[in-house]
C-alpha atoms as a PDB file:
ATOM      1  CA  MET A   1      32.638   0.640   0.246  1.00  0.00           C
ATOM      2  CA  MET A   2      28.988   0.293   1.251  1.00  0.00           C
ATOM      3  CA  SER A   3      27.751   0.824  -2.486  1.00  0.00           C
ATOM      4  CA  ARG A   4      30.079  -2.271  -3.171  1.00  0.00           C
ATOM      5  CA  ILE A   5      28.451  -4.242  -0.469  1.00  0.00           C
ATOM      6  CA  LEU A   6      25.100  -3.530  -1.508  1.00  0.00           C
ATOM      7  CA  THR A   7      25.979  -4.536  -5.156  1.00  0.00           C
ATOM      8  CA  TYR A   8      27.527  -7.849  -3.878  1.00  0.00           C
ATOM      9  CA  ARG A   9      24.297  -8.558  -1.877  1.00  0.00           C
ATOM     10  CA  GLU A  10      22.235  -7.796  -4.981  1.00  0.00           C
ATOM     11  CA  LEU A  11      24.155  -9.981  -7.236  1.00  0.00           C
ATOM     12  CA  LEU A  12      24.335 -12.841  -4.622  1.00  0.00           C
ATOM     13  CA  LEU A  13      20.557 -12.762  -4.254  1.00  0.00           C
ATOM     14  CA  ALA A  14      19.993 -12.630  -8.056  1.00  0.00           C
ATOM     15  CA  ALA A  15      22.170 -15.521  -8.481  1.00  0.00           C
ATOM     16  CA  ILE A  16      20.302 -17.322  -5.603  1.00  0.00           C
ATOM     17  CA  ILE A  17      16.925 -16.605  -7.511  1.00  0.00           C
ATOM     18  CA  ILE A  18      18.543 -17.975 -10.805  1.00  0.00           C
ATOM     19  CA  VAL A  19      19.636 -21.057  -9.182  1.00  0.00           C
ATOM     20  CA  LEU A  20      16.165 -21.655  -7.571  1.00  0.00           C
ATOM     21  CA  ILE A  21      14.492 -21.217 -11.141  1.00  0.00           C
ATOM     22  CA  ALA A  22      16.857 -23.814 -12.442  1.00  0.00           C
ATOM     23  CA  VAL A  23      16.097 -26.365  -9.685  1.00  0.00           C
ATOM     24  CA  PHE A  24      12.347 -25.949  -9.872  1.00  0.00           C
ATOM     25  CA  ALA A  25      12.566 -26.149 -13.788  1.00  0.00           C
ATOM     26  CA  TYR A  26      14.354 -29.345 -13.447  1.00  0.00           C
ATOM     27  CA  ARG A  27      11.486 -30.564 -11.213  1.00  0.00           C
ATOM     28  CA  ALA A  28       8.710 -29.011 -13.306  1.00  0.00           C
ATOM     29  CA  PRO A  29       9.584 -28.613 -16.871  1.00  0.00           C
ATOM     30  CA  GLY A  30       8.354 -25.385 -18.379  1.00  0.00           C
ATOM     31  CA  PHE A  31       8.787 -23.436 -15.102  1.00  0.00           C
ATOM     32  CA  ALA A  32      11.815 -21.413 -16.557  1.00  0.00           C
ATOM     33  CA  SER A  33       9.708 -20.885 -20.003  1.00  0.00           C
ATOM     34  CA  PRO A  34       9.415 -16.953 -20.912  1.00  0.00           C
ATOM     35  CA  GLU A  35       5.586 -17.178 -20.708  1.00  0.00           C
ATOM     36  CA  SER A  36       5.972 -18.892 -16.917  1.00  0.00           C
ATOM     37  CA  LEU A  37       8.510 -16.156 -15.883  1.00  0.00           C
ATOM     38  CA  ALA A  38       6.317 -13.546 -17.226  1.00  0.00           C
ATOM     39  CA  ASN A  39       3.528 -14.864 -15.123  1.00  0.00           C
ATOM     40  CA  ILE A  40       5.791 -15.027 -11.952  1.00  0.00           C
ATOM     41  CA  PHE A  41       6.855 -11.325 -12.331  1.00  0.00           C
ATOM     42  CA  ASN A  42       3.193 -10.397 -12.987  1.00  0.00           C
ATOM     43  CA  ASP A  43       2.090 -12.255  -9.926  1.00  0.00           C
ATOM     44  CA  THR A  44       4.728 -10.553  -7.806  1.00  0.00           C
ATOM     45  CA  ALA A  45       4.066  -6.927  -9.276  1.00  0.00           C
ATOM     46  CA  ILE A  46       1.745  -5.906  -6.585  1.00  0.00           C
ATOM     47  CA  LEU A  47       4.278  -7.184  -3.867  1.00  0.00           C
ATOM     48  CA  ILE A  48       7.071  -5.236  -5.499  1.00  0.00           C
ATOM     49  CA  ILE A  49       5.300  -2.057  -5.516  1.00  0.00           C
ATOM     50  CA  LEU A  50       4.099  -2.365  -1.870  1.00  0.00           C
ATOM     51  CA  ALA A  51       7.891  -3.255  -0.978  1.00  0.00           C
ATOM     52  CA  LEU A  52       9.121  -0.143  -2.426  1.00  0.00           C
ATOM     53  CA  GLY A  53       6.861   1.790  -0.340  1.00  0.00           C
ATOM     54  CA  GLN A  54       7.706  -0.091   2.653  1.00  0.00           C
ATOM     55  CA  MET A  55      11.259   0.517   1.944  1.00  0.00           C
ATOM     56  CA  ALA A  56      10.759   4.235   2.033  1.00  0.00           C
ATOM     57  CA  VAL A  57       9.388   3.986   5.561  1.00  0.00           C
ATOM     58  CA  ILE A  58      11.941   1.347   6.885  1.00  0.00           C
ATOM     59  CA  LEU A  59      14.792   3.743   5.616  1.00  0.00           C
ATOM     60  CA  THR A  60      13.691   6.241   8.245  1.00  0.00           C
ATOM     61  CA  ARG A  61      13.838   3.705  11.040  1.00  0.00           C
ATOM     62  CA  SER A  62      10.012   3.212  11.099  1.00  0.00           C
ATOM     63  CA  ILE A  63       7.543   0.325   9.727  1.00  0.00           C
ATOM     64  CA  ASP A  64       4.218   0.528   8.164  1.00  0.00           C
ATOM     65  CA  LEU A  65       2.042  -2.581   9.209  1.00  0.00           C
ATOM     66  CA  SER A  66      -1.074  -0.988   7.636  1.00  0.00           C
ATOM     67  CA  VAL A  67      -0.351  -1.229   4.048  1.00  0.00           C
ATOM     68  CA  ALA A  68      -2.218  -4.260   3.394  1.00  0.00           C
ATOM     69  CA  ALA A  69      -5.344  -2.837   5.398  1.00  0.00           C
ATOM     70  CA  ASN A  70      -4.871   0.375   3.246  1.00  0.00           C
ATOM     71  CA  LEU A  71      -4.912  -1.803   0.086  1.00  0.00           C
ATOM     72  CA  SER A  72      -8.100  -3.326   1.242  1.00  0.00           C
ATOM     73  CA  PHE A  73      -9.930   0.002   2.228  1.00  0.00           C
ATOM     74  CA  THR A  74      -8.881   1.860  -1.277  1.00  0.00           C
ATOM     75  CA  GLY A  75      -9.621  -1.430  -3.343  1.00  0.00           C
ATOM     76  CA  MET A  76     -13.151  -1.406  -1.799  1.00  0.00           C
ATOM     77  CA  ALA A  77     -13.731   2.204  -2.107  1.00  0.00           C
ATOM     78  CA  VAL A  78     -12.764   2.351  -5.993  1.00  0.00           C
ATOM     79  CA  ALA A  79     -14.652  -0.847  -6.558  1.00  0.00           C
ATOM     80  CA  MET A  80     -17.892   0.518  -4.995  1.00  0.00           C
ATOM     81  CA  MET A  81     -17.236   3.915  -6.899  1.00  0.00           C
ATOM     82  CA  ASN A  82     -16.823   1.821 -10.204  1.00  0.00           C
ATOM     83  CA  ALA A  83     -20.062  -0.204  -9.452  1.00  0.00           C
ATOM     84  CA  ALA A  84     -22.166   2.975  -8.461  1.00  0.00           C
ATOM     85  CA  TYR A  85     -20.954   5.242 -11.059  1.00  0.00           C
ATOM     86  CA  PRO A  86     -19.981   3.283 -13.943  1.00  0.00           C
ATOM     87  CA  GLY A  87     -19.204   6.768 -16.090  1.00  0.00           C
ATOM     88  CA  ILE A  88     -16.508   7.851 -14.117  1.00  0.00           C
ATOM     89  CA  PRO A  89     -13.317   7.481 -16.454  1.00  0.00           C
ATOM     90  CA  LEU A  90     -10.422   4.819 -15.236  1.00  0.00           C
ATOM     91  CA  PRO A  91      -7.746   7.601 -14.887  1.00  0.00           C
ATOM     92  CA  VAL A  92      -9.947   9.491 -12.268  1.00  0.00           C
ATOM     93  CA  LEU A  93     -10.516   6.372 -10.274  1.00  0.00           C
ATOM     94  CA  ILE A  94      -6.771   5.507 -10.189  1.00  0.00           C
ATOM     95  CA  LEU A  95      -6.155   9.005  -9.070  1.00  0.00           C
ATOM     96  CA  CYS A  96      -8.678   8.656  -6.514  1.00  0.00           C
ATOM     97  CA  ALA A  97      -6.979   5.345  -5.299  1.00  0.00           C
ATOM     98  CA  LEU A  98      -3.837   7.130  -5.108  1.00  0.00           C
ATOM     99  CA  ALA A  99      -5.292   9.945  -3.217  1.00  0.00           C
ATOM    100  CA  ILE A 100      -7.203   7.679  -0.691  1.00  0.00           C
ATOM    101  CA  GLY A 101      -4.155   5.757  -0.027  1.00  0.00           C
ATOM    102  CA  ALA A 102      -2.007   8.907   0.542  1.00  0.00           C
ATOM    103  CA  ALA A 103      -4.219  10.246   2.943  1.00  0.00           C
ATOM    104  CA  LEU A 104      -4.486   7.051   5.110  1.00  0.00           C
ATOM    105  CA  GLY A 105      -0.726   7.158   4.825  1.00  0.00           C
ATOM    106  CA  ALA A 106      -0.816  10.597   6.028  1.00  0.00           C
ATOM    107  CA  ILE A 107      -2.668   9.641   9.177  1.00  0.00           C
ATOM    108  CA  ASN A 108       0.015   7.299   9.969  1.00  0.00           C
ATOM    109  CA  GLY A 109       2.714   9.774   9.337  1.00  0.00           C
ATOM    110  CA  PHE A 110       0.945  12.482  11.353  1.00  0.00           C
ATOM    111  CA  MET A 111       0.678  10.214  14.411  1.00  0.00           C
ATOM    112  CA  VAL A 112       4.413   9.367  14.260  1.00  0.00           C
ATOM    113  CA  TRP A 113       5.370  12.835  13.539  1.00  0.00           C
ATOM    114  CA  LYS A 114       3.248  15.167  15.659  1.00  0.00           C
ATOM    115  CA  ILE A 115       1.835  12.848  18.401  1.00  0.00           C
ATOM    116  CA  GLY A 116       5.233  10.856  18.710  1.00  0.00           C
ATOM    117  CA  ILE A 117       3.417   7.424  18.760  1.00  0.00           C
ATOM    118  CA  PRO A 118       5.965   4.625  17.749  1.00  0.00           C
ATOM    119  CA  ALA A 119       5.319   3.651  14.187  1.00  0.00           C
ATOM    120  CA  ILE A 120       4.713   0.087  14.892  1.00  0.00           C
ATOM    121  CA  VAL A 121       1.953   1.156  17.428  1.00  0.00           C
ATOM    122  CA  ALA A 122       0.523   3.393  15.341  1.00  0.00           C
ATOM    123  CA  THR A 123       0.323   1.465  12.304  1.00  0.00           C
ATOM    124  CA  LEU A 124      -0.816  -1.648  14.096  1.00  0.00           C
ATOM    125  CA  GLY A 125      -3.763   0.444  15.213  1.00  0.00           C
ATOM    126  CA  THR A 126      -4.628   1.818  11.905  1.00  0.00           C
ATOM    127  CA  LEU A 127      -4.306  -1.988  10.511  1.00  0.00           C
ATOM    128  CA  THR A 128      -7.540  -2.662  12.408  1.00  0.00           C
ATOM    129  CA  VAL A 129      -8.893   0.741  11.890  1.00  0.00           C
ATOM    130  CA  TYR A 130      -8.674   0.734   8.031  1.00  0.00           C
ATOM    131  CA  ARG A 131      -9.944  -2.833   7.826  1.00  0.00           C
ATOM    132  CA  GLY A 132     -13.063  -1.911   9.909  1.00  0.00           C
ATOM    133  CA  MET A 133     -13.515   1.026   7.819  1.00  0.00           C
ATOM    134  CA  ALA A 134     -13.594  -1.052   4.651  1.00  0.00           C
ATOM    135  CA  PHE A 135     -16.346  -3.460   6.526  1.00  0.00           C
ATOM    136  CA  VAL A 136     -18.319  -0.125   7.547  1.00  0.00           C
ATOM    137  CA  LEU A 137     -18.017   1.175   3.835  1.00  0.00           C
ATOM    138  CA  SER A 138     -19.348  -2.059   2.193  1.00  0.00           C
ATOM    139  CA  GLY A 139     -21.565  -3.428   5.035  1.00  0.00           C
ATOM    140  CA  GLY A 140     -19.848  -6.573   4.877  1.00  0.00           C
ATOM    141  CA  ALA A 141     -20.859  -7.072   1.428  1.00  0.00           C
ATOM    142  CA  TRP A 142     -18.503  -8.192  -1.674  1.00  0.00           C
ATOM    143  CA  VAL A 143     -18.233  -6.258  -4.794  1.00  0.00           C
ATOM    144  CA  ASN A 144     -17.827  -8.846  -7.548  1.00  0.00           C
ATOM    145  CA  GLN A 145     -17.017  -8.740 -11.461  1.00  0.00           C
ATOM    146  CA  THR A 146     -20.590  -8.715 -12.625  1.00  0.00           C
ATOM    147  CA  GLN A 147     -20.893  -5.041 -10.689  1.00  0.00           C
ATOM    148  CA  MET A 148     -17.610  -3.635 -12.135  1.00  0.00           C
ATOM    149  CA  THR A 149     -16.907  -2.347 -15.765  1.00  0.00           C
ATOM    150  CA  PRO A 150     -15.018  -4.168 -18.261  1.00  0.00           C
ATOM    151  CA  ILE A 151     -12.518  -1.494 -18.596  1.00  0.00           C
ATOM    152  CA  PHE A 152     -11.935  -1.210 -14.995  1.00  0.00           C
ATOM    153  CA  LEU A 153     -11.377  -5.244 -14.845  1.00  0.00           C
ATOM    154  CA  ASP A 154      -9.411  -5.557 -18.038  1.00  0.00           C
ATOM    155  CA  ALA A 155      -6.932  -2.633 -18.043  1.00  0.00           C
ATOM    156  CA  PRO A 156      -4.288  -4.326 -15.821  1.00  0.00           C
ATOM    157  CA  ARG A 157      -4.880  -7.631 -17.601  1.00  0.00           C
ATOM    158  CA  THR A 158      -4.207  -6.429 -20.917  1.00  0.00           C
ATOM    159  CA  SER A 159      -0.980  -7.789 -22.531  1.00  0.00           C
ATOM    160  CA  VAL A 160       1.672  -5.623 -24.119  1.00  0.00           C
ATOM    161  CA  LEU A 161       4.661  -7.164 -25.665  1.00  0.00           C
ATOM    162  CA  GLY A 162       3.932 -10.311 -23.886  1.00  0.00           C
ATOM    163  CA  LEU A 163       3.602  -8.789 -20.190  1.00  0.00           C
ATOM    164  CA  PRO A 164       0.277  -7.542 -18.690  1.00  0.00           C
ATOM    165  CA  VAL A 165      -0.094  -3.996 -18.017  1.00  0.00           C
ATOM    166  CA  LEU A 166       0.030  -4.999 -14.350  1.00  0.00           C
ATOM    167  CA  GLY A 167       3.625  -5.929 -14.822  1.00  0.00           C
ATOM    168  CA  TRP A 168       4.525  -2.715 -16.709  1.00  0.00           C
ATOM    169  CA  THR A 169       3.211  -0.808 -13.957  1.00  0.00           C
ATOM    170  CA  ALA A 170       5.404  -2.480 -11.584  1.00  0.00           C
ATOM    171  CA  ILE A 171       8.417  -1.633 -13.935  1.00  0.00           C
ATOM    172  CA  LEU A 172       7.280   1.923 -14.126  1.00  0.00           C
ATOM    173  CA  VAL A 173       6.831   2.494 -10.408  1.00  0.00           C
ATOM    174  CA  ILE A 174      10.495   0.927  -9.853  1.00  0.00           C
ATOM    175  CA  ALA A 175      11.983   3.301 -12.345  1.00  0.00           C
ATOM    176  CA  LEU A 176      10.063   6.219 -10.712  1.00  0.00           C
ATOM    177  CA  ILE A 177      11.185   5.250  -7.328  1.00  0.00           C
ATOM    178  CA  ALA A 178      14.847   4.365  -8.220  1.00  0.00           C
ATOM    179  CA  VAL A 179      15.145   8.032  -9.559  1.00  0.00           C
ATOM    180  CA  THR A 180      13.373   9.534  -6.775  1.00  0.00           C
ATOM    181  CA  PHE A 181      15.395   7.768  -4.120  1.00  0.00           C
ATOM    182  CA  THR A 182      18.906   8.250  -5.974  1.00  0.00           C
ATOM    183  CA  ARG A 183      18.425  11.661  -7.721  1.00  0.00           C
ATOM    184  CA  THR A 184      16.225  13.786  -5.644  1.00  0.00           C
ATOM    185  CA  VAL A 185      16.575  15.883  -2.338  1.00  0.00           C
ATOM    186  CA  PHE A 186      13.809  13.682  -0.791  1.00  0.00           C
ATOM    187  CA  GLY A 187      15.549  10.388  -1.559  1.00  0.00           C
ATOM    188  CA  ARG A 188      18.780  11.906   0.215  1.00  0.00           C
ATOM    189  CA  THR A 189      16.781  12.802   3.103  1.00  0.00           C
ATOM    190  CA  LEU A 190      15.247   9.473   3.604  1.00  0.00           C
ATOM    191  CA  TYR A 191      18.949   7.894   3.935  1.00  0.00           C
ATOM    192  CA  ALA A 192      20.039  10.795   6.062  1.00  0.00           C
ATOM    193  CA  ALA A 193      17.044  10.652   8.310  1.00  0.00           C
ATOM    194  CA  GLY A 194      17.415   6.978   8.797  1.00  0.00           C
ATOM    195  CA  GLY A 195      20.991   6.798   8.880  1.00  0.00           C
ATOM    196  CA  ASN A 196      21.934   9.224  11.394  1.00  0.00           C
ATOM    197  CA  PRO A 197      19.110  11.126  12.744  1.00  0.00           C
ATOM    198  CA  THR A 198      21.247  13.437  14.927  1.00  0.00           C
ATOM    199  CA  ALA A 199      23.430  14.208  12.168  1.00  0.00           C
ATOM    200  CA  ALA A 200      20.529  14.845   9.815  1.00  0.00           C
ATOM    201  CA  LEU A 201      18.829  17.219  12.201  1.00  0.00           C
ATOM    202  CA  TYR A 202      22.227  19.261  12.444  1.00  0.00           C
ATOM    203  CA  ALA A 203      22.117  19.249   8.713  1.00  0.00           C
ATOM    204  CA  GLY A 204      18.921  21.042   8.581  1.00  0.00           C
ATOM    205  CA  ILE A 205      16.755  17.953   7.696  1.00  0.00           C
ATOM    206  CA  ASN A 206      13.385  17.624   9.588  1.00  0.00           C
ATOM    207  CA  VAL A 207      13.548  13.930  10.387  1.00  0.00           C
ATOM    208  CA  GLY A 208       9.925  13.969  11.469  1.00  0.00           C
ATOM    209  CA  ARG A 209       8.626  15.611   8.312  1.00  0.00           C
ATOM    210  CA  THR A 210      10.579  13.086   6.291  1.00  0.00           C
ATOM    211  CA  ARG A 211       8.955  10.136   7.990  1.00  0.00           C
ATOM    212  CA  PHE A 212       5.462  11.770   7.360  1.00  0.00           C
ATOM    213  CA  PHE A 213       6.198  11.831   3.638  1.00  0.00           C
ATOM    214  CA  ALA A 214       7.538   8.609   3.598  1.00  0.00           C
ATOM    215  CA  PHE A 215       4.297   7.095   5.035  1.00  0.00           C
ATOM    216  CA  MET A 216       2.411   9.183   2.586  1.00  0.00           C
ATOM    217  CA  LEU A 217       4.441   7.561  -0.406  1.00  0.00           C
ATOM    218  CA  SER A 218       3.888   4.040   1.291  1.00  0.00           C
ATOM    219  CA  GLY A 219       0.256   4.901   1.463  1.00  0.00           C
ATOM    220  CA  ALA A 220      -0.163   6.158  -2.136  1.00  0.00           C
ATOM    221  CA  LEU A 221       1.440   2.955  -3.660  1.00  0.00           C
ATOM    222  CA  ALA A 222      -0.811   0.980  -1.304  1.00  0.00           C
ATOM    223  CA  GLY A 223      -3.746   2.862  -2.777  1.00  0.00           C
ATOM    224  CA  LEU A 224      -2.592   2.028  -6.284  1.00  0.00           C
ATOM    225  CA  CYS A 225      -2.247  -1.513  -5.451  1.00  0.00           C
ATOM    226  CA  GLY A 226      -5.678  -1.401  -3.911  1.00  0.00           C
ATOM    227  CA  TYR A 227      -6.919  -0.758  -7.534  1.00  0.00           C
ATOM    228  CA  LEU A 228      -4.692  -3.261  -9.196  1.00  0.00           C
ATOM    229  CA  TRP A 229      -5.623  -6.091  -6.660  1.00  0.00           C
ATOM    230  CA  VAL A 230      -9.515  -5.567  -7.169  1.00  0.00           C
ATOM    231  CA  SER A 231      -9.257  -5.295 -10.843  1.00  0.00           C
ATOM    232  CA  ARG A 232      -6.817  -8.273 -11.230  1.00  0.00           C
ATOM    233  CA  TYR A 233      -8.701 -10.766  -9.127  1.00  0.00           C
ATOM    234  CA  ALA A 234     -12.194  -9.145  -9.931  1.00  0.00           C
ATOM    235  CA  VAL A 235     -13.442  -9.027  -6.478  1.00  0.00           C
ATOM    236  CA  ALA A 236     -13.313  -6.687  -3.444  1.00  0.00           C
ATOM    237  CA  TYR A 237     -13.977  -7.701   0.043  1.00  0.00           C
ATOM    238  CA  VAL A 238     -12.898  -6.618   3.365  1.00  0.00           C
ATOM    239  CA  ASP A 239     -10.117  -9.251   3.891  1.00  0.00           C
ATOM    240  CA  ILE A 240      -8.236  -9.035   0.610  1.00  0.00           C
ATOM    241  CA  ALA A 241      -4.460  -8.964   1.062  1.00  0.00           C
ATOM    242  CA  ALA A 242      -4.880 -10.101   4.648  1.00  0.00           C
ATOM    243  CA  GLY A 243      -1.213 -10.705   6.036  1.00  0.00           C
ATOM    244  CA  PHE A 244       0.396  -9.037   2.827  1.00  0.00           C
ATOM    245  CA  GLU A 245       1.900  -6.532   5.184  1.00  0.00           C
ATOM    246  CA  LEU A 246       4.359  -9.062   6.512  1.00  0.00           C
ATOM    247  CA  ASP A 247       5.337 -10.243   2.997  1.00  0.00           C
ATOM    248  CA  THR A 248       6.306  -6.550   2.388  1.00  0.00           C
ATOM    249  CA  VAL A 249       8.606  -6.369   5.188  1.00  0.00           C
ATOM    250  CA  ALA A 250       9.965  -9.783   4.249  1.00  0.00           C
ATOM    251  CA  ALA A 251      10.812  -8.676   0.905  1.00  0.00           C
ATOM    252  CA  CYS A 252      12.897  -5.733   2.192  1.00  0.00           C
ATOM    253  CA  VAL A 253      14.554  -7.699   4.880  1.00  0.00           C
ATOM    254  CA  ILE A 254      15.503 -10.205   2.147  1.00  0.00           C
ATOM    255  CA  GLY A 255      16.602  -7.558  -0.145  1.00  0.00           C
ATOM    256  CA  GLY A 256      19.181  -6.076   2.409  1.00  0.00           C
ATOM    257  CA  ILE A 257      16.994  -3.230   3.622  1.00  0.00           C
ATOM    258  CA  SER A 258      18.210  -2.425   7.087  1.00  0.00           C
ATOM    259  CA  THR A 259      15.552  -2.388   9.877  1.00  0.00           C
ATOM    260  CA  LEU A 260      17.893   0.188  11.528  1.00  0.00           C
ATOM    261  CA  GLY A 261      17.409   2.451   8.709  1.00  0.00           C
ATOM    262  CA  GLY A 262      19.296   4.336   6.229  1.00  0.00           C
ATOM    263  CA  ILE A 263      20.762   1.149   4.274  1.00  0.00           C
ATOM    264  CA  GLY A 264      19.096  -0.341   1.197  1.00  0.00           C
ATOM    265  CA  SER A 265      18.653  -0.157  -2.353  1.00  0.00           C
ATOM    266  CA  VAL A 266      15.603  -0.334  -4.983  1.00  0.00           C
ATOM    267  CA  GLY A 267      17.179  -3.186  -6.550  1.00  0.00           C
ATOM    268  CA  GLY A 268      17.440  -5.162  -3.394  1.00  0.00           C
ATOM    269  CA  ALA A 269      13.806  -4.749  -2.363  1.00  0.00           C
ATOM    270  CA  VAL A 270      12.652  -5.731  -5.828  1.00  0.00           C
ATOM    271  CA  LEU A 271      14.801  -8.877  -5.643  1.00  0.00           C
ATOM    272  CA  GLY A 272      13.662  -9.586  -2.236  1.00  0.00           C
ATOM    273  CA  ALA A 273      10.056  -9.392  -3.502  1.00  0.00           C
ATOM    274  CA  LEU A 274      10.976 -11.544  -6.719  1.00  0.00           C
ATOM    275  CA  PHE A 275      12.534 -14.197  -4.371  1.00  0.00           C
ATOM    276  CA  LEU A 276       9.360 -14.472  -2.761  1.00  0.00           C
ATOM    277  CA  GLY A 277       7.509 -14.688  -5.571  1.00  0.00           C
ATOM    278  CA  VAL A 278       9.726 -17.520  -7.161  1.00  0.00           C
ATOM    279  CA  ILE A 279       9.080 -19.325  -3.877  1.00  0.00           C
ATOM    280  CA  LYS A 280       5.368 -18.805  -3.487  1.00  0.00           C
ATOM    281  CA  ASN A 281       5.030 -19.831  -7.197  1.00  0.00           C
ATOM    282  CA  ALA A 282       7.316 -23.017  -7.198  1.00  0.00           C
ATOM    283  CA  LEU A 283       6.404 -24.662  -4.065  1.00  0.00           C
ATOM    284  CA  PRO A 284       2.880 -25.624  -5.030  1.00  0.00           C
ATOM    285  CA  VAL A 285       4.199 -26.543  -8.550  1.00  0.00           C
ATOM    286  CA  ILE A 286       6.443 -29.303  -7.061  1.00  0.00           C
ATOM    287  CA  ASN A 287       3.622 -30.618  -4.656  1.00  0.00           C
ATOM    288  CA  ILE A 288       4.962 -28.894  -1.412  1.00  0.00           C
ATOM    289  CA  SER A 289       2.155 -28.669   1.207  1.00  0.00           C
ATOM    290  CA  PRO A 290       0.868 -25.257   2.264  1.00  0.00           C
ATOM    291  CA  PHE A 291       2.247 -25.832   5.787  1.00  0.00           C
ATOM    292  CA  TRP A 292       5.760 -26.591   4.536  1.00  0.00           C
ATOM    293  CA  GLN A 293       5.453 -23.501   2.243  1.00  0.00           C
ATOM    294  CA  MET A 294       4.791 -21.251   5.200  1.00  0.00           C
ATOM    295  CA  ALA A 295       7.652 -22.908   7.151  1.00  0.00           C
ATOM    296  CA  ILE A 296      10.169 -22.512   4.149  1.00  0.00           C
ATOM    297  CA  SER A 297       9.027 -18.967   3.796  1.00  0.00           C
ATOM    298  CA  GLY A 298       9.493 -18.002   7.550  1.00  0.00           C
ATOM    299  CA  LEU A 299      12.838 -19.828   7.581  1.00  0.00           C
ATOM    300  CA  VAL A 300      14.043 -17.707   4.649  1.00  0.00           C
ATOM    301  CA  ILE A 301      13.077 -14.480   6.318  1.00  0.00           C
ATOM    302  CA  ILE A 302      14.928 -15.600   9.616  1.00  0.00           C
ATOM    303  CA  ILE A 303      18.038 -16.323   7.640  1.00  0.00           C
ATOM    304  CA  ALA A 304      17.714 -12.941   6.027  1.00  0.00           C
ATOM    305  CA  VAL A 305      17.587 -11.130   9.285  1.00  0.00           C
ATOM    306  CA  LEU A 306      20.449 -13.007  10.870  1.00  0.00           C
ATOM    307  CA  PHE A 307      22.463 -12.248   7.607  1.00  0.00           C
ATOM    308  CA  ASN A 308      21.569  -8.551   8.129  1.00  0.00           C
ATOM    309  CA  ALA A 309      22.418  -8.222  11.630  1.00  0.00           C
ATOM    310  CA  ARG A 310      25.806 -10.013  10.893  1.00  0.00           C
ATOM    311  CA  GLN A 311      26.662  -7.612   8.183  1.00  0.00           C
ATOM    312  CA  GLU A 312      25.670  -4.482  10.505  1.00  0.00           C
ATOM    313  CA  ARG A 313      27.586  -5.964  13.555  1.00  0.00           C
ATOM    314  CA  ARG A 314      30.544  -6.369  11.189  1.00  0.00           C
ATOM    315  CA  LYS A 315      30.319  -2.922   9.773  1.00  0.00           C
ATOM    316  CA  GLY A 316      30.419  -1.670  13.611  1.00  0.00           C
ATOM    317  CA  ARG A 317      33.414  -3.750  14.533  1.00  0.00           C
ATOM    318  CA  LEU A 318      35.112  -2.235  11.540  1.00  0.00           C
ATOM    319  CA  ILE A 319      34.320   1.294  12.628  1.00  0.00           C
ATOM    320  CA  LEU A 320      35.628   0.791  16.057  1.00  0.00           C
ATOM    321  CA  ARG A 321      38.691  -0.939  14.944  1.00  0.00           C
ATOM    322  CA  ASP A 322      39.636   1.685  12.729  1.00  0.00           C
ATOM    323  CA  ALA A 323      38.845   4.370  15.506  1.00  0.00           C
ATOM    324  CA  ALA A 324      41.188   2.338  17.951  1.00  0.00           C
ATOM    325  CA  LYS A 325      44.027   2.434  15.168  1.00  0.00           C
ATOM    326  CA  GLN A 326      43.582   6.176  14.941  1.00  0.00           C
ATOM    327  CA  ARG A 327      43.626   6.929  18.654  1.00  0.00           C
ATOM    328  CA  PRO A 328      47.390   6.149  19.503  1.00  0.00           C
ATOM    329  CA  SER A 329      48.739   8.466  16.666  1.00  0.00           C
ATOM    330  CA  LEU A 330      46.306  11.269  17.547  1.00  0.00           C
ATOM    331  CA  VAL A 331      47.431  10.856  21.231  1.00  0.00           C
ATOM    332  CA  ASN A 332      51.213  10.978  20.056  1.00  0.00           C
ATOM    333  CA  ALA A 333      50.509  14.031  17.935  1.00  0.00           C
ATOM    334  CA  GLN A 334      48.892  15.802  20.854  1.00  0.00           C
ATOM    335  CA  ALA A 335      51.854  14.881  23.109  1.00  0.00           C
ATOM    336  CA  GLY A 336      54.237  16.347  20.544  1.00  0.00           C
ATOM    337  CA  GLY A 337      52.610  19.486  20.274  1.00  0.00           C
ATOM    338  CA  ALA A 338      52.292  19.953  23.979  1.00  0.00           C
ATOM    339  CA  ALA A 339      56.181  19.159  24.363  1.00  0.00           C
ATOM    340  CA  ALA A 340      56.910  21.702  21.487  1.00  0.00           C
END
């Protein structure tokens, strides 16, 4: 039943995205061209990757508000490494970005797991700490394109079959996360730890450790996005991706990832990010003011939250109703047994 609900939700969201593209294409001819759609996907690629990491954390009934700060620090670190040591191969720099991001995510996970700090408090604190670390590391200075090597900058921008490598990277991450969440023990424990932590504990699942690895995964993907962001925009500074953590949460909520944990799909998170990507790319094209863009985006998030809450409440009522139906028959059976 739940899989059918999620499929319906994803199909509905996909249909809404298609309708939006058609409407915006009517107002701005060329918006729905293959080149334009490829650009929209490429523009949304980093948000998609971050949203998938955020999804892993939300599935365990937690939240990671430090993903953008993680991205900022990691992006600054690899940009400075590239500027100072241009001979370091690009794959090594990417591995460094993944490792740094995973380490920062592990700090969040450790505080939530071992110290018992609520996730929202822990990551709100590290959000500021990681931004401060980026400032201390760089001394407040920028790293611009003249300081970075051409291969460092050009790799994500190289077009393959009409789509830049950045977009293909997002597709690869989507595939890997989909397999991880649906075909591995770790993926099943994520859903179990968030869906019913008590039952998961009795089943032998270490809920705290599962949350720890969820934060590590989120951090590693944020680290990867640190490199992708810096190379794509050819600049590294302390405030890059400021506020982007809220977009990742919004993408998950719009895509049907339950903030109560244990419910959601990779397809939903991707569609939620694409929905925001279409909105943010289209509104400037049809001359909507930046203030209205913020208001419209906020309204969409509120509607998505209300829709999710209604679906979860309806599910709870169905469970109670079914239990009430079963109780009289159970009582009658017990009474019959006692009489016998």
